[in-house]
Amino acid sequence: LHNARIRAGLAKDKKIIKTYTFETDESWKERQERRQKRTEAVTQLKSQARDILDHLDVKAKQGLTQSERTQIRLARWQRVLELYVYCPDEANIDLLGLLDKLLQGCAEEEEMSEVLNEASQMCSSLVELTSLAVRDATEDAAESD
């Protein structure tokens, strides 16, 4: 109803309120799809929490380049970061511990700079996703009134 009122106000057409349904509202459908994907991702993180944490400390195979090993380490770290954000009770690690794990194995300043830059991008991406989740929840709450 809230969404119908907003649309009717913007279009200056009161008929929209009477004909509005969630099933035809694209923004509502998109929010529901995003919520479902988030729920599935969190469920998966919870079920894999132990493995995600265990793999963080596993060294990459020998025979890989330093760049390949760094990418593997960053991918593992990203999963732990997601676990830390979405399932803090399952993460069993604090932010400083997480940052310490990120920098372990960095031998050179150049590598450390690259790793921190990649991690910064991962964090920014995660902030965007969580901000979107908050906006979705806000809109859902407004519509439930």
N, C-alpha and C. Protein backbone atom coordinates (compact mmCIF):
# COMPACT_ATOMS: atom_id res chain seq x y z
N LEU A 1 0.82 -1.19 0.00
CA LEU A 1 0.00 0.00 0.00
C LEU A 1 0.87 1.26 0.00
N HIS A 2 1.93 1.21 0.81
CA HIS A 2 2.84 2.36 0.88
C HIS A 2 3.42 2.66 -0.50
N ASN A 3 3.89 1.61 -1.16
CA ASN A 3 4.47 1.77 -2.49
C ASN A 3 3.43 2.30 -3.48
N ALA A 4 2.20 1.81 -3.36
CA ALA A 4 1.12 2.28 -4.24
C ALA A 4 0.86 3.77 -4.01
N ARG A 5 0.89 4.18 -2.77
CA ARG A 5 0.68 5.60 -2.46
C ARG A 5 1.78 6.46 -3.05
N ILE A 6 3.00 5.99 -2.92
CA ILE A 6 4.13 6.75 -3.48
C ILE A 6 4.00 6.85 -5.00
N ARG A 7 3.71 5.73 -5.64
CA ARG A 7 3.56 5.74 -7.10
C ARG A 7 2.40 6.63 -7.53
N ALA A 8 1.29 6.55 -6.80
CA ALA A 8 0.13 7.38 -7.14
C ALA A 8 0.47 8.85 -6.97
N GLY A 9 1.21 9.18 -5.92
CA GLY A 9 1.60 10.58 -5.70
C GLY A 9 2.53 11.08 -6.78
N LEU A 10 3.48 10.27 -7.17
CA LEU A 10 4.42 10.68 -8.22
C LEU A 10 3.73 10.84 -9.57
N ALA A 11 2.80 9.93 -9.85
CA ALA A 11 2.09 9.98 -11.13
C ALA A 11 0.87 10.89 -11.08
N LYS A 12 0.53 11.35 -9.86
CA LYS A 12 -0.67 12.17 -9.67
C LYS A 12 -1.90 11.46 -10.23
N ASP A 13 -1.98 10.16 -9.88
CA ASP A 13 -3.08 9.33 -10.37
C ASP A 13 -3.53 8.41 -9.24
N LYS A 14 -4.67 8.72 -8.63
CA LYS A 14 -5.18 7.95 -7.49
C LYS A 14 -5.60 6.53 -7.87
N LYS A 15 -5.85 6.29 -9.15
CA LYS A 15 -6.27 4.95 -9.59
C LYS A 15 -5.19 3.90 -9.31
N ILE A 16 -3.95 4.32 -9.26
CA ILE A 16 -2.85 3.39 -9.04
C ILE A 16 -3.02 2.68 -7.70
N ILE A 17 -3.53 3.37 -6.71
CA ILE A 17 -3.73 2.76 -5.39
C ILE A 17 -4.68 1.58 -5.48
N LYS A 18 -5.72 1.70 -6.26
CA LYS A 18 -6.72 0.63 -6.37
C LYS A 18 -6.22 -0.55 -7.19
N THR A 19 -5.35 -0.31 -8.15
CA THR A 19 -4.91 -1.38 -9.04
C THR A 19 -3.55 -1.97 -8.66
N TYR A 20 -2.93 -1.43 -7.64
CA TYR A 20 -1.60 -1.89 -7.26
C TYR A 20 -1.63 -3.30 -6.67
N THR A 21 -0.69 -4.15 -7.11
CA THR A 21 -0.46 -5.45 -6.48
C THR A 21 1.05 -5.69 -6.42
N PHE A 22 1.47 -6.43 -5.41
CA PHE A 22 2.90 -6.73 -5.29
C PHE A 22 3.41 -7.51 -6.50
N GLU A 23 2.57 -8.38 -7.01
CA GLU A 23 2.98 -9.25 -8.11
C GLU A 23 3.38 -8.48 -9.37
N THR A 24 2.87 -7.26 -9.53
CA THR A 24 3.21 -6.47 -10.71
C THR A 24 4.25 -5.40 -10.42
N ASP A 25 4.68 -5.30 -9.19
CA ASP A 25 5.65 -4.28 -8.79
C ASP A 25 7.07 -4.83 -8.97
N GLU A 26 7.77 -4.32 -9.96
CA GLU A 26 9.12 -4.80 -10.27
C GLU A 26 10.09 -4.56 -9.11
N SER A 27 10.02 -3.41 -8.47
CA SER A 27 10.96 -3.15 -7.37
C SER A 27 10.70 -4.11 -6.21
N TRP A 28 9.45 -4.43 -5.95
CA TRP A 28 9.12 -5.38 -4.89
C TRP A 28 9.67 -6.76 -5.23
N LYS A 29 9.49 -7.18 -6.50
CA LYS A 29 10.00 -8.49 -6.93
C LYS A 29 11.52 -8.55 -6.82
N GLU A 30 12.19 -7.46 -7.22
CA GLU A 30 13.65 -7.42 -7.15
C GLU A 30 14.13 -7.54 -5.70
N ARG A 31 13.45 -6.82 -4.79
CA ARG A 31 13.81 -6.91 -3.37
C ARG A 31 13.62 -8.32 -2.84
N GLN A 32 12.55 -8.98 -3.25
CA GLN A 32 12.31 -10.34 -2.80
C GLN A 32 13.39 -11.29 -3.32
N GLU A 33 13.79 -11.11 -4.56
CA GLU A 33 14.85 -11.94 -5.14
C GLU A 33 16.17 -11.71 -4.41
N ARG A 34 16.49 -10.43 -4.14
CA ARG A 34 17.73 -10.14 -3.41
C ARG A 34 17.69 -10.74 -2.01
N ARG A 35 16.55 -10.63 -1.33
CA ARG A 35 16.43 -11.19 0.01
C ARG A 35 16.64 -12.70 -0.03
N GLN A 36 16.03 -13.36 -1.01
CA GLN A 36 16.18 -14.81 -1.14
C GLN A 36 17.64 -15.19 -1.36
N LYS A 37 18.33 -14.45 -2.24
CA LYS A 37 19.75 -14.73 -2.50
C LYS A 37 20.59 -14.51 -1.25
N ARG A 38 20.30 -13.43 -0.49
CA ARG A 38 21.04 -13.17 0.75
C ARG A 38 20.80 -14.29 1.76
N THR A 39 19.56 -14.72 1.88
CA THR A 39 19.22 -15.79 2.81
C THR A 39 19.97 -17.07 2.45
N GLU A 40 19.98 -17.39 1.17
CA GLU A 40 20.70 -18.59 0.71
C GLU A 40 22.19 -18.46 0.97
N ALA A 41 22.76 -17.27 0.72
CA ALA A 41 24.19 -17.06 0.94
C ALA A 41 24.55 -17.19 2.42
N VAL A 42 23.72 -16.63 3.29
CA VAL A 42 23.99 -16.71 4.73
C VAL A 42 23.86 -18.16 5.21
N THR A 43 22.87 -18.86 4.71
CA THR A 43 22.71 -20.28 5.07
C THR A 43 23.94 -21.07 4.64
N GLN A 44 24.41 -20.81 3.44
CA GLN A 44 25.60 -21.49 2.94
C GLN A 44 26.83 -21.14 3.78
N LEU A 45 26.98 -19.87 4.13
CA LEU A 45 28.11 -19.46 4.97
C LEU A 45 28.07 -20.18 6.31
N LYS A 46 26.90 -20.23 6.91
CA LYS A 46 26.77 -20.91 8.22
C LYS A 46 27.13 -22.38 8.11
N SER A 47 26.66 -23.03 7.06
CA SER A 47 26.93 -24.46 6.93
C SER A 47 28.40 -24.74 6.61
N GLN A 48 29.08 -23.78 6.00
CA GLN A 48 30.48 -23.98 5.62
C GLN A 48 31.46 -23.26 6.54
N ALA A 49 30.97 -22.69 7.62
CA ALA A 49 31.79 -21.84 8.49
C ALA A 49 33.09 -22.51 8.90
N ARG A 50 33.01 -23.73 9.40
CA ARG A 50 34.21 -24.43 9.88
C ARG A 50 35.22 -24.60 8.75
N ASP A 51 34.76 -25.04 7.56
CA ASP A 51 35.66 -25.23 6.42
C ASP A 51 36.27 -23.90 5.97
N ILE A 52 35.47 -22.87 5.95
CA ILE A 52 35.96 -21.54 5.54
C ILE A 52 37.09 -21.10 6.45
N LEU A 53 36.89 -21.25 7.76
CA LEU A 53 37.92 -20.85 8.72
C LEU A 53 39.15 -21.74 8.62
N ASP A 54 38.95 -23.04 8.45
CA ASP A 54 40.08 -23.97 8.35
C ASP A 54 40.92 -23.70 7.11
N HIS A 55 40.28 -23.38 5.99
CA HIS A 55 41.01 -23.16 4.74
C HIS A 55 41.81 -21.85 4.74
N LEU A 56 41.48 -20.96 5.63
CA LEU A 56 42.20 -19.69 5.66
C LEU A 56 43.68 -19.90 5.96
N ASP A 57 43.98 -20.88 6.79
CA ASP A 57 45.37 -21.11 7.20
C ASP A 57 46.11 -22.13 6.33
N VAL A 58 45.42 -22.74 5.37
CA VAL A 58 46.06 -23.74 4.51
C VAL A 58 46.89 -23.01 3.46
N LYS A 59 48.13 -23.44 3.35
CA LYS A 59 49.01 -22.83 2.35
C LYS A 59 48.64 -23.33 0.95
N ALA A 60 48.76 -22.45 -0.03
CA ALA A 60 48.47 -22.82 -1.41
C ALA A 60 49.52 -23.81 -1.91
N LYS A 61 49.15 -24.59 -2.91
CA LYS A 61 50.04 -25.61 -3.48
C LYS A 61 51.35 -24.98 -3.97
N GLN A 62 52.38 -25.77 -3.88
CA GLN A 62 53.66 -25.36 -4.47
C GLN A 62 53.54 -25.44 -5.98
N GLY A 63 54.35 -24.73 -6.68
CA GLY A 63 54.31 -24.76 -8.13
C GLY A 63 53.48 -23.62 -8.71
N LEU A 64 52.82 -22.89 -7.83
CA LEU A 64 52.05 -21.73 -8.28
C LEU A 64 52.91 -20.49 -8.19
N THR A 65 52.60 -19.51 -8.99
CA THR A 65 53.33 -18.24 -8.90
C THR A 65 52.90 -17.52 -7.62
N GLN A 66 53.68 -16.56 -7.22
CA GLN A 66 53.35 -15.76 -6.04
C GLN A 66 52.01 -15.05 -6.23
N SER A 67 51.76 -14.59 -7.43
CA SER A 67 50.50 -13.91 -7.73
C SER A 67 49.32 -14.87 -7.59
N GLU A 68 49.47 -16.09 -8.07
CA GLU A 68 48.40 -17.08 -7.95
C GLU A 68 48.14 -17.44 -6.48
N ARG A 69 49.23 -17.59 -5.72
CA ARG A 69 49.07 -17.89 -4.29
C ARG A 69 48.38 -16.73 -3.58
N THR A 70 48.71 -15.52 -3.95
CA THR A 70 48.09 -14.33 -3.35
C THR A 70 46.61 -14.29 -3.68
N GLN A 71 46.23 -14.60 -4.91
CA GLN A 71 44.82 -14.60 -5.30
C GLN A 71 44.03 -15.66 -4.54
N ILE A 72 44.63 -16.82 -4.34
CA ILE A 72 43.98 -17.87 -3.57
C ILE A 72 43.79 -17.41 -2.13
N ARG A 73 44.84 -16.83 -1.55
CA ARG A 73 44.75 -16.34 -0.17
C ARG A 73 43.69 -15.25 -0.05
N LEU A 74 43.60 -14.36 -1.02
CA LEU A 74 42.59 -13.29 -1.00
C LEU A 74 41.18 -13.85 -1.13
N ALA A 75 41.00 -14.85 -1.98
CA ALA A 75 39.67 -15.46 -2.13
C ALA A 75 39.23 -16.11 -0.83
N ARG A 76 40.15 -16.78 -0.17
CA ARG A 76 39.83 -17.39 1.12
C ARG A 76 39.53 -16.33 2.17
N TRP A 77 40.32 -15.28 2.15
CA TRP A 77 40.11 -14.20 3.11
C TRP A 77 38.75 -13.53 2.90
N GLN A 78 38.36 -13.37 1.65
CA GLN A 78 37.06 -12.77 1.33
C GLN A 78 35.93 -13.60 1.93
N ARG A 79 36.03 -14.91 1.85
CA ARG A 79 34.99 -15.77 2.43
C ARG A 79 34.92 -15.59 3.95
N VAL A 80 36.08 -15.46 4.59
CA VAL A 80 36.08 -15.24 6.04
C VAL A 80 35.51 -13.86 6.36
N LEU A 81 35.81 -12.87 5.54
CA LEU A 81 35.24 -11.54 5.72
C LEU A 81 33.72 -11.59 5.63
N GLU A 82 33.21 -12.28 4.64
CA GLU A 82 31.75 -12.43 4.50
C GLU A 82 31.16 -13.14 5.71
N LEU A 83 31.85 -14.15 6.18
CA LEU A 83 31.40 -14.87 7.38
C LEU A 83 31.39 -13.92 8.58
N TYR A 84 32.42 -13.12 8.70
CA TYR A 84 32.53 -12.15 9.80
C TYR A 84 31.38 -11.14 9.76
N VAL A 85 31.01 -10.69 8.58
CA VAL A 85 29.95 -9.68 8.44
C VAL A 85 28.56 -10.30 8.60
N TYR A 86 28.30 -11.39 7.90
CA TYR A 86 26.95 -11.95 7.86
C TYR A 86 26.65 -12.92 9.01
N CYS A 87 27.67 -13.57 9.53
CA CYS A 87 27.47 -14.58 10.58
C CYS A 87 28.53 -14.39 11.67
N PRO A 88 28.53 -13.28 12.36
CA PRO A 88 29.61 -13.01 13.32
C PRO A 88 29.76 -14.08 14.40
N ASP A 89 28.66 -14.70 14.80
CA ASP A 89 28.76 -15.74 15.83
C ASP A 89 29.48 -16.98 15.32
N GLU A 90 29.44 -17.21 14.03
CA GLU A 90 30.09 -18.38 13.43
C GLU A 90 31.56 -18.10 13.09
N ALA A 91 31.91 -16.82 12.97
CA ALA A 91 33.23 -16.45 12.45
C ALA A 91 34.36 -16.79 13.41
N ASN A 92 34.14 -16.66 14.69
CA ASN A 92 35.18 -16.99 15.67
C ASN A 92 36.48 -16.23 15.44
N ILE A 93 36.37 -15.01 14.95
CA ILE A 93 37.55 -14.18 14.70
C ILE A 93 37.11 -12.73 14.82
N ASP A 94 38.00 -11.88 15.33
CA ASP A 94 37.67 -10.46 15.41
C ASP A 94 38.32 -9.74 14.23
N LEU A 95 38.03 -8.46 14.12
CA LEU A 95 38.52 -7.70 12.96
C LEU A 95 40.04 -7.65 12.91
N LEU A 96 40.68 -7.44 14.03
CA LEU A 96 42.14 -7.41 14.03
C LEU A 96 42.73 -8.76 13.63
N GLY A 97 42.12 -9.83 14.10
CA GLY A 97 42.57 -11.17 13.70
C GLY A 97 42.39 -11.39 12.21
N LEU A 98 41.30 -10.87 11.70
CA LEU A 98 41.02 -10.98 10.27
C LEU A 98 42.07 -10.22 9.45
N LEU A 99 42.40 -9.02 9.88
CA LEU A 99 43.43 -8.24 9.19
C LEU A 99 44.80 -8.89 9.31
N ASP A 100 45.09 -9.47 10.47
CA ASP A 100 46.35 -10.17 10.67
C ASP A 100 46.47 -11.33 9.68
N LYS A 101 45.40 -12.08 9.53
CA LYS A 101 45.39 -13.21 8.58
C LYS A 101 45.61 -12.73 7.15
N LEU A 102 45.07 -11.57 6.84
CA LEU A 102 45.24 -11.00 5.50
C LEU A 102 46.70 -10.74 5.18
N LEU A 103 47.41 -10.23 6.16
CA LEU A 103 48.80 -9.82 5.92
C LEU A 103 49.82 -10.93 6.13
N GLN A 104 49.39 -12.05 6.70
CA GLN A 104 50.33 -13.17 6.87
C GLN A 104 50.78 -13.65 5.50
N GLY A 105 52.05 -13.86 5.39
CA GLY A 105 52.58 -14.37 4.13
C GLY A 105 52.99 -13.27 3.16
N CYS A 106 52.74 -12.02 3.49
CA CYS A 106 53.19 -10.92 2.63
C CYS A 106 54.66 -10.67 2.93
N ALA A 107 55.50 -10.92 1.96
CA ALA A 107 56.93 -10.79 2.17
C ALA A 107 57.46 -9.41 1.80
N GLU A 108 56.82 -8.78 0.85
CA GLU A 108 57.34 -7.51 0.35
C GLU A 108 56.28 -6.42 0.50
N GLU A 109 56.76 -5.18 0.55
CA GLU A 109 55.83 -4.05 0.68
C GLU A 109 54.90 -3.96 -0.52
N GLU A 110 55.42 -4.26 -1.70
CA GLU A 110 54.60 -4.20 -2.91
C GLU A 110 53.45 -5.20 -2.84
N GLU A 111 53.76 -6.41 -2.37
CA GLU A 111 52.73 -7.42 -2.22
C GLU A 111 51.71 -7.00 -1.16
N MET A 112 52.19 -6.45 -0.06
CA MET A 112 51.31 -6.00 1.00
C MET A 112 50.38 -4.89 0.49
N SER A 113 50.91 -4.00 -0.30
CA SER A 113 50.11 -2.92 -0.87
C SER A 113 49.03 -3.49 -1.80
N GLU A 114 49.40 -4.45 -2.62
CA GLU A 114 48.44 -5.09 -3.53
C GLU A 114 47.33 -5.80 -2.76
N VAL A 115 47.73 -6.53 -1.72
CA VAL A 115 46.77 -7.27 -0.90
C VAL A 115 45.80 -6.30 -0.20
N LEU A 116 46.35 -5.25 0.36
CA LEU A 116 45.49 -4.28 1.05
C LEU A 116 44.55 -3.56 0.08
N ASN A 117 45.02 -3.28 -1.13
CA ASN A 117 44.17 -2.66 -2.14
C ASN A 117 43.02 -3.58 -2.52
N GLU A 118 43.33 -4.86 -2.76
CA GLU A 118 42.29 -5.84 -3.10
C GLU A 118 41.29 -5.97 -1.95
N ALA A 119 41.80 -6.04 -0.73
CA ALA A 119 40.93 -6.18 0.45
C ALA A 119 40.04 -4.95 0.61
N SER A 120 40.57 -3.80 0.31
CA SER A 120 39.78 -2.57 0.37
C SER A 120 38.62 -2.62 -0.61
N GLN A 121 38.89 -3.11 -1.82
CA GLN A 121 37.83 -3.26 -2.82
C GLN A 121 36.78 -4.27 -2.37
N MET A 122 37.22 -5.37 -1.76
CA MET A 122 36.29 -6.37 -1.24
C MET A 122 35.40 -5.77 -0.16
N CYS A 123 36.01 -4.99 0.73
CA CYS A 123 35.24 -4.36 1.81
C CYS A 123 34.24 -3.36 1.25
N SER A 124 34.65 -2.57 0.27
CA SER A 124 33.74 -1.61 -0.35
C SER A 124 32.56 -2.31 -1.00
N SER A 125 32.84 -3.38 -1.67
CA SER A 125 31.79 -4.16 -2.32
C SER A 125 30.82 -4.72 -1.28
N LEU A 126 31.34 -5.21 -0.18
CA LEU A 126 30.51 -5.75 0.89
C LEU A 126 29.68 -4.65 1.55
N VAL A 127 30.24 -3.47 1.69
CA VAL A 127 29.50 -2.33 2.25
C VAL A 127 28.33 -1.98 1.33
N GLU A 128 28.56 -1.98 0.02
CA GLU A 128 27.47 -1.70 -0.93
C GLU A 128 26.36 -2.73 -0.81
N LEU A 129 26.72 -4.00 -0.69
CA LEU A 129 25.72 -5.05 -0.56
C LEU A 129 24.92 -4.93 0.73
N THR A 130 25.60 -4.64 1.82
CA THR A 130 24.88 -4.51 3.09
C THR A 130 24.04 -3.24 3.11
N SER A 131 24.50 -2.19 2.47
CA SER A 131 23.69 -0.96 2.37
C SER A 131 22.41 -1.23 1.58
N LEU A 132 22.53 -1.99 0.52
CA LEU A 132 21.37 -2.36 -0.28
C LEU A 132 20.40 -3.20 0.56
N ALA A 133 20.93 -4.10 1.36
CA ALA A 133 20.09 -4.92 2.23
C ALA A 133 19.34 -4.05 3.24
N VAL A 134 19.99 -3.04 3.76
CA VAL A 134 19.34 -2.12 4.71
C VAL A 134 18.24 -1.33 4.00
N ARG A 135 18.52 -0.85 2.79
CA ARG A 135 17.49 -0.12 2.03
C ARG A 135 16.29 -1.02 1.74
N ASP A 136 16.57 -2.26 1.34
CA ASP A 136 15.49 -3.21 1.08
C ASP A 136 14.65 -3.43 2.33
N ALA A 137 15.31 -3.61 3.46
CA ALA A 137 14.59 -3.83 4.71
C ALA A 137 13.76 -2.62 5.10
N THR A 138 14.29 -1.44 4.85
CA THR A 138 13.56 -0.20 5.14
C THR A 138 12.30 -0.10 4.29
N GLU A 139 12.44 -0.41 3.01
CA GLU A 139 11.29 -0.36 2.12
C GLU A 139 10.27 -1.44 2.48
N ASP A 140 10.74 -2.62 2.84
CA ASP A 140 9.83 -3.67 3.26
C ASP A 140 9.07 -3.27 4.52
N ALA A 141 9.75 -2.65 5.45
CA ALA A 141 9.11 -2.20 6.69
C ALA A 141 8.07 -1.11 6.40
N ALA A 142 8.39 -0.21 5.50
CA ALA A 142 7.45 0.86 5.15
C ALA A 142 6.20 0.27 4.49
N GLU A 143 6.39 -0.76 3.68
CA GLU A 143 5.26 -1.38 3.00
C GLU A 143 4.40 -2.21 3.94
N SER A 144 4.99 -2.70 5.00
CA SER A 144 4.21 -3.54 5.93
C SER A 144 3.28 -2.71 6.80
N ASP A 145 3.51 -1.41 6.86
CA ASP A 145 2.64 -0.53 7.68
C ASP A 145 1.33 -0.25 7.04
